[in-house]
Amino acid sequence: MKEKRNPGNDTPPPVINHGGHEIFDAHEVITSVISFLDHQKMYASYVQDQELMTLLNRQQQFTAQLYNTIVESFSSGKDPSVPTQTYKMQQNNRVTYGVTPSEPKKPIQSMDEITDEKVSAYLLGELKALASLFTMTSLEMTNPVLRRITADSVPNLIEMSYELFLYQNKHGFYQVPKLKEQDMSRMLQSYSQVNEEPPLQ
């Protein structure tokens, strides 16, 4: 008697282009980006400053495209239709150094206490965590396309976090302590360059 074939068995097996460990790391990256996008939407309703809202909108659009690029490459294992973009922040690079008296920080007691300072701090913390996660994940990728995308995304996440830091610093939310000039000078002059070394044997 001729055995009946299951039509599903005619489907060729998928090409294996991801390692098992990589699959789990990629899932963590993708879900973390989803969380960041969700939080951007959630916090937007608390934003009062138009400058911060413009910044968040720009970062949200960029992150959404990054998400699509990662998902497409993760699903196919191939080059995405939209490659990794370069994020260009709009803030200038001026940093205010020094600490001035300010109100002590503490956890909020109600949702009414969520301010521009809080929103920018929440998202800055998430971007720092994403930059670390993407760095570690890129080192675990076996698929060359996904490895390149996660690695190339790290500078963009750093740039976005720097932009949020600059916004916070500009408004006095993130103060930067400084050393005495004498101590700073000594630290800056505490290293010297080495002569060019011959090749290792």
Protein backbone atom coordinates (compact mmCIF):
# COMPACT_ATOMS: atom_id res chain seq x y z
CA MET A 1 0.00 0.00 0.00
CA LYS A 2 1.38 3.35 -1.03
CA GLU A 3 1.94 5.68 1.91
CA LYS A 4 0.14 9.02 1.71
CA ARG A 5 2.46 11.99 1.83
CA ASN A 6 1.82 14.94 4.06
CA PRO A 7 1.64 18.02 1.80
CA GLY A 8 3.53 19.96 4.49
CA ASN A 9 6.55 17.73 3.96
CA ASP A 10 6.96 19.12 0.44
CA THR A 11 8.01 22.47 1.86
CA PRO A 12 11.81 22.71 1.78
CA PRO A 13 13.41 23.38 5.16
CA PRO A 14 14.41 26.98 5.80
CA VAL A 15 18.02 27.93 5.20
CA ILE A 16 19.79 28.01 8.54
CA ASN A 17 21.46 31.40 8.76
CA HIS A 18 21.31 32.09 12.52
CA GLY A 19 22.83 30.27 15.47
CA GLY A 20 20.66 29.30 18.43
CA HIS A 21 22.34 31.66 20.89
CA GLU A 22 22.10 34.45 18.33
CA ILE A 23 18.34 33.90 17.99
CA PHE A 24 17.83 34.55 21.70
CA ASP A 25 20.10 37.61 21.67
CA ALA A 26 18.29 39.01 18.63
CA HIS A 27 14.94 38.50 20.35
CA GLU A 28 16.22 40.47 23.34
CA VAL A 29 17.41 43.30 21.10
CA ILE A 30 14.15 43.47 19.15
CA THR A 31 11.93 43.40 22.24
CA SER A 32 14.11 46.05 23.90
CA VAL A 33 13.71 48.33 20.87
CA ILE A 34 9.95 47.74 21.00
CA SER A 35 9.99 48.71 24.67
CA PHE A 36 11.90 51.89 23.88
CA LEU A 37 9.45 52.83 21.11
CA ASP A 38 6.51 52.11 23.42
CA HIS A 39 7.97 54.26 26.17
CA GLN A 40 8.58 57.13 23.76
CA LYS A 41 4.86 57.08 22.95
CA MET A 42 3.86 56.76 26.61
CA TYR A 43 6.06 59.62 27.83
CA ALA A 44 5.18 62.00 24.98
CA SER A 45 1.92 62.98 26.65
CA TYR A 46 3.89 64.37 29.62
CA VAL A 47 6.25 66.55 27.59
CA GLN A 48 5.77 70.32 27.98
CA ASP A 49 8.86 71.65 26.18
CA GLN A 50 8.52 71.84 22.39
CA GLU A 51 12.28 71.45 22.02
CA LEU A 52 12.14 68.10 23.82
CA MET A 53 9.09 67.01 21.81
CA THR A 54 10.90 67.77 18.54
CA LEU A 55 13.92 65.83 19.74
CA LEU A 56 11.79 62.84 20.77
CA ASN A 57 9.91 62.82 17.46
CA ARG A 58 13.17 62.79 15.52
CA GLN A 59 14.55 59.96 17.65
CA GLN A 60 11.28 58.01 17.44
CA GLN A 61 11.25 58.12 13.64
CA PHE A 62 14.87 57.03 13.47
CA THR A 63 14.35 54.20 15.96
CA ALA A 64 11.26 52.94 14.11
CA GLN A 65 13.30 52.63 10.91
CA LEU A 66 16.08 50.88 12.83
CA TYR A 67 13.50 48.44 14.19
CA ASN A 68 12.21 47.66 10.68
CA THR A 69 15.76 47.14 9.40
CA ILE A 70 16.59 44.71 12.21
CA VAL A 71 13.33 42.76 11.89
CA GLU A 72 13.71 42.40 8.12
CA SER A 73 17.30 41.15 8.39
CA PHE A 74 16.48 38.88 11.31
CA SER A 75 13.66 37.26 9.33
CA SER A 76 15.61 36.86 6.09
CA GLY A 77 19.22 36.72 7.18
CA LYS A 78 19.98 38.98 4.23
CA ASP A 79 20.70 42.64 3.55
CA PRO A 80 17.68 44.81 4.41
CA SER A 81 15.91 46.96 1.83
CA VAL A 82 16.76 50.03 3.97
CA PRO A 83 20.31 49.80 5.34
CA THR A 84 21.41 51.16 8.71
CA GLN A 85 21.10 54.95 8.70
CA THR A 86 23.29 57.53 10.46
CA TYR A 87 21.64 59.57 13.21
CA LYS A 88 22.51 63.26 13.14
CA MET A 89 21.66 65.08 16.34
CA GLN A 90 20.51 68.71 16.29
CA GLN A 91 21.96 69.84 19.62
CA ASN A 92 25.26 71.71 19.67
CA ASN A 93 28.17 70.21 21.63
CA ARG A 94 28.38 72.84 24.36
CA VAL A 95 28.47 71.37 27.86
CA THR A 96 28.07 73.40 31.05
CA TYR A 97 30.53 72.21 33.68
CA GLY A 98 30.10 72.67 37.41
CA VAL A 99 27.44 71.92 40.00
CA THR A 100 24.99 74.49 41.28
CA PRO A 101 22.49 74.02 44.13
CA SER A 102 19.28 72.28 43.09
CA GLU A 103 16.36 70.44 44.63
CA PRO A 104 17.24 66.89 45.78
CA LYS A 105 15.93 64.20 43.45
CA LYS A 106 13.50 61.57 44.66
CA PRO A 107 11.03 59.03 43.20
CA ILE A 108 7.71 60.44 42.06
CA GLN A 109 4.65 60.02 44.28
CA SER A 110 2.09 60.49 41.50
CA MET A 111 1.98 60.61 37.71
CA ASP A 112 1.45 64.38 37.90
CA GLU A 113 5.10 64.71 38.89
CA ILE A 114 6.40 63.45 35.53
CA THR A 115 8.20 66.42 33.99
CA ASP A 116 10.46 67.12 31.02
CA GLU A 117 13.39 66.40 33.30
CA LYS A 118 11.96 62.98 34.20
CA VAL A 119 11.02 62.05 30.62
CA SER A 120 14.45 62.95 29.25
CA ALA A 121 16.12 61.03 32.09
CA TYR A 122 13.99 57.92 31.55
CA LEU A 123 14.75 57.79 27.83
CA LEU A 124 18.43 58.61 28.34
CA GLY A 125 18.71 55.63 30.68
CA GLU A 126 17.01 53.36 28.14
CA LEU A 127 19.29 54.52 25.32
CA LYS A 128 22.39 53.83 27.41
CA ALA A 129 21.07 50.34 28.15
CA LEU A 130 20.30 49.77 24.45
CA ALA A 131 23.81 50.86 23.44
CA SER A 132 25.31 48.33 25.86
CA LEU A 133 22.91 45.59 24.75
CA PHE A 134 23.62 46.18 21.04
CA THR A 135 27.36 46.08 21.70
CA MET A 136 27.20 42.77 23.55
CA THR A 137 24.77 41.30 21.02
CA SER A 138 26.89 42.22 18.00
CA LEU A 139 29.73 40.17 19.50
CA GLU A 140 27.49 37.09 19.62
CA MET A 141 26.09 37.25 16.08
CA THR A 142 27.04 34.55 13.58
CA ASN A 143 24.99 36.01 10.72
CA PRO A 144 27.22 38.69 9.12
CA VAL A 145 24.34 40.98 8.15
CA LEU A 146 22.73 41.06 11.58
CA ARG A 147 26.16 41.40 13.17
CA ARG A 148 26.91 44.46 11.05
CA ILE A 149 23.51 46.05 11.71
CA THR A 150 23.75 45.69 15.48
CA ALA A 151 27.36 46.89 15.50
CA ASP A 152 26.65 49.85 13.19
CA SER A 153 23.69 50.86 15.36
CA VAL A 154 25.82 51.39 18.48
CA PRO A 155 27.20 54.81 17.38
CA ASN A 156 23.64 55.93 16.58
CA LEU A 157 22.38 54.94 20.04
CA ILE A 158 25.36 56.73 21.59
CA GLU A 159 24.59 59.84 19.51
CA MET A 160 20.93 59.83 20.57
CA SER A 161 21.86 59.42 24.23
CA TYR A 162 24.41 62.24 23.90
CA GLU A 163 21.72 64.46 22.39
CA LEU A 164 19.44 63.79 25.36
CA PHE A 165 22.32 64.40 27.77
CA LEU A 166 23.04 67.76 26.09
CA TYR A 167 19.36 68.70 26.37
CA GLN A 168 19.39 67.82 30.07
CA ASN A 169 22.67 69.62 30.70
CA LYS A 170 21.45 72.74 28.88
CA HIS A 171 18.41 72.92 31.15
CA GLY A 172 20.31 72.14 34.35
CA PHE A 173 18.82 68.66 34.75
CA TYR A 174 22.16 66.84 34.33
CA GLN A 175 25.02 68.67 36.01
CA VAL A 176 28.64 67.77 35.31
CA PRO A 177 31.12 68.11 38.19
CA LYS A 178 34.58 69.42 37.33
CA LEU A 179 38.01 69.10 38.90
CA LYS A 180 40.16 71.97 40.09
CA GLU A 181 42.21 73.36 37.21
CA GLN A 182 45.45 72.20 38.82
CA ASP A 183 44.16 68.63 39.27
CA MET A 184 42.73 68.59 35.73
CA SER A 185 46.05 69.76 34.27
CA ARG A 186 47.97 67.08 36.15
CA MET A 187 45.60 64.36 34.99
CA LEU A 188 45.76 65.51 31.37
CA GLN A 189 49.56 65.49 31.41
CA SER A 190 49.91 62.12 33.17
CA TYR A 191 50.58 60.09 29.99
CA SER A 192 53.16 60.22 27.22
CA GLN A 193 53.17 58.65 23.79
CA VAL A 194 55.21 55.53 23.01
CA ASN A 195 57.69 55.14 20.17
CA GLU A 196 56.56 52.97 17.28
CA GLU A 197 57.10 49.36 18.29
CA PRO A 198 58.59 46.70 15.99
CA PRO A 199 56.25 43.87 14.92
CA LEU A 200 55.66 41.10 17.42
CA GLN A 201 57.56 37.92 16.66
